[in-house]
């Protein structure tokens, strides 16, 4: 990645729809398979998330977190918005969280 600024992107991908139905893991993998090749690699982990929904209620849910490290360029935000909308529509979500921050490579 040279001297350019590397960023770590985390896609939080739910295991349930906004109505509480389980999402087939194959559907989640299909979304992930559309995301990671753009970045030439990724790490997927599954964990428990805690959040406050738009209704104001505290919720606990299982999610996948897909982490990617890549260079930040002009198209990054467009890709993030595209994937956010894809996750929201295809997995029937009220909201989708994607975070990113700069990282420093240490050798």
Protein backbone atom coordinates (compact mmCIF):
# COMPACT_ATOMS: atom_id res chain seq x y z
CA UNK A 1 0.00 0.00 0.00
CA UNK A 2 3.05 2.23 -0.09
CA UNK A 3 2.82 5.79 1.22
CA UNK A 4 -0.91 6.16 0.54
CA UNK A 5 -3.35 6.15 3.42
CA UNK A 6 -4.76 2.74 4.17
CA UNK A 7 -8.21 2.41 5.67
CA UNK A 8 -9.97 -0.42 7.45
CA UNK A 9 -13.61 -0.84 6.46
CA UNK A 10 -16.02 -2.86 8.61
CA UNK A 11 -19.33 -3.98 7.12
CA UNK A 12 -21.78 -5.07 9.83
CA UNK A 13 -24.03 -7.67 8.21
CA UNK A 14 -27.02 -8.94 10.23
CA UNK A 15 -28.17 -12.52 10.64
CA UNK A 16 -31.86 -11.48 10.96
CA UNK A 17 -34.22 -9.23 9.02
CA UNK A 18 -35.73 -6.10 10.59
CA UNK A 19 -38.84 -8.18 11.34
CA UNK A 20 -36.72 -10.73 13.26
CA UNK A 21 -36.64 -13.57 10.73
CA UNK A 22 -33.41 -15.53 10.35
CA UNK A 23 -31.48 -14.75 7.19
CA UNK A 24 -30.18 -17.75 5.29
CA UNK A 25 -26.37 -17.70 5.71
CA UNK A 26 -26.08 -18.39 1.97
CA UNK A 27 -27.74 -15.00 1.29
CA UNK A 28 -25.20 -13.32 3.57
CA UNK A 29 -22.35 -15.12 1.80
CA UNK A 30 -23.75 -13.99 -1.56
CA UNK A 31 -23.58 -10.35 -0.41
CA UNK A 32 -20.08 -10.85 1.00
CA UNK A 33 -18.98 -12.45 -2.28
CA UNK A 34 -20.06 -9.26 -4.06
CA UNK A 35 -18.12 -7.02 -1.67
CA UNK A 36 -14.74 -8.56 -0.94
CA UNK A 37 -13.35 -9.09 -4.48
CA UNK A 38 -13.25 -5.32 -5.04
CA UNK A 39 -10.74 -5.15 -2.17
CA UNK A 40 -8.77 -8.36 -3.00
CA UNK A 41 -9.43 -9.89 0.40
CA UNK A 42 -11.40 -9.70 3.61
CA UNK A 43 -11.94 -11.27 7.01
CA UNK A 44 -15.41 -12.40 8.15
CA UNK A 45 -16.19 -12.92 11.83
CA UNK A 46 -19.46 -13.53 13.60
CA UNK A 47 -20.31 -11.89 16.88
CA UNK A 48 -22.97 -10.35 19.06
CA UNK A 49 -23.94 -6.71 18.63
CA UNK A 50 -25.67 -4.39 21.06
CA UNK A 51 -27.49 -1.31 19.76
CA UNK A 52 -30.39 1.05 20.23
CA UNK A 53 -32.88 0.87 17.36
CA UNK A 54 -34.74 3.83 15.85
CA UNK A 55 -37.68 2.93 18.08
CA UNK A 56 -35.46 3.63 21.10
CA UNK A 57 -35.36 0.04 22.31
CA UNK A 58 -32.09 -1.67 23.19
CA UNK A 59 -31.46 -4.74 21.08
CA UNK A 60 -28.99 -7.59 20.98
CA UNK A 61 -28.34 -9.34 17.70
CA UNK A 62 -25.88 -11.63 15.98
CA UNK A 63 -24.01 -10.13 13.06
CA UNK A 64 -21.21 -10.85 10.70
CA UNK A 65 -18.46 -8.27 10.49
CA UNK A 66 -16.61 -8.20 7.20
CA UNK A 67 -13.31 -6.32 7.61
CA UNK A 68 -11.27 -5.04 4.70
CA UNK A 69 -8.05 -3.05 4.56
CA UNK A 70 -7.54 -1.05 1.39
CA UNK A 71 -6.25 2.25 0.08
CA UNK A 72 -8.56 5.23 0.35
CA UNK A 73 -9.37 6.69 -3.04
CA UNK A 74 -12.06 8.83 -4.65
CA UNK A 75 -14.38 5.92 -5.34
CA UNK A 76 -14.34 4.43 -1.82
CA UNK A 77 -17.38 6.37 -0.57
CA UNK A 78 -19.39 5.47 -3.68
CA UNK A 79 -18.62 1.78 -3.19
CA UNK A 80 -19.51 1.95 0.49
CA UNK A 81 -22.86 3.60 -0.26
CA UNK A 82 -23.58 1.02 -2.98
CA UNK A 83 -22.88 -1.92 -0.66
CA UNK A 84 -24.78 -0.30 2.21
CA UNK A 85 -27.88 0.00 0.03
CA UNK A 86 -27.44 -3.56 -1.28
CA UNK A 87 -27.24 -4.96 2.28
CA UNK A 88 -30.23 -2.87 3.37
CA UNK A 89 -32.45 -3.92 0.45
CA UNK A 90 -31.45 -7.55 -0.02
CA UNK A 91 -31.41 -8.43 3.68
CA UNK A 92 -34.44 -6.28 4.65
CA UNK A 93 -32.74 -3.98 7.16
CA UNK A 94 -33.91 -0.78 8.84
CA UNK A 95 -30.34 0.54 8.99
CA UNK A 96 -26.89 -0.70 8.02
CA UNK A 97 -23.65 0.19 9.74
CA UNK A 98 -20.42 0.52 7.77
CA UNK A 99 -17.45 2.10 9.51
CA UNK A 100 -14.00 3.01 8.33
CA UNK A 101 -10.90 4.57 9.75
CA UNK A 102 -7.29 5.17 8.76
CA UNK A 103 -4.75 2.55 9.76
CA UNK A 104 -0.99 2.63 9.90
CA UNK A 105 0.96 -0.35 8.67
CA UNK A 106 3.57 -1.58 11.11
CA UNK A 107 6.22 -3.99 9.89
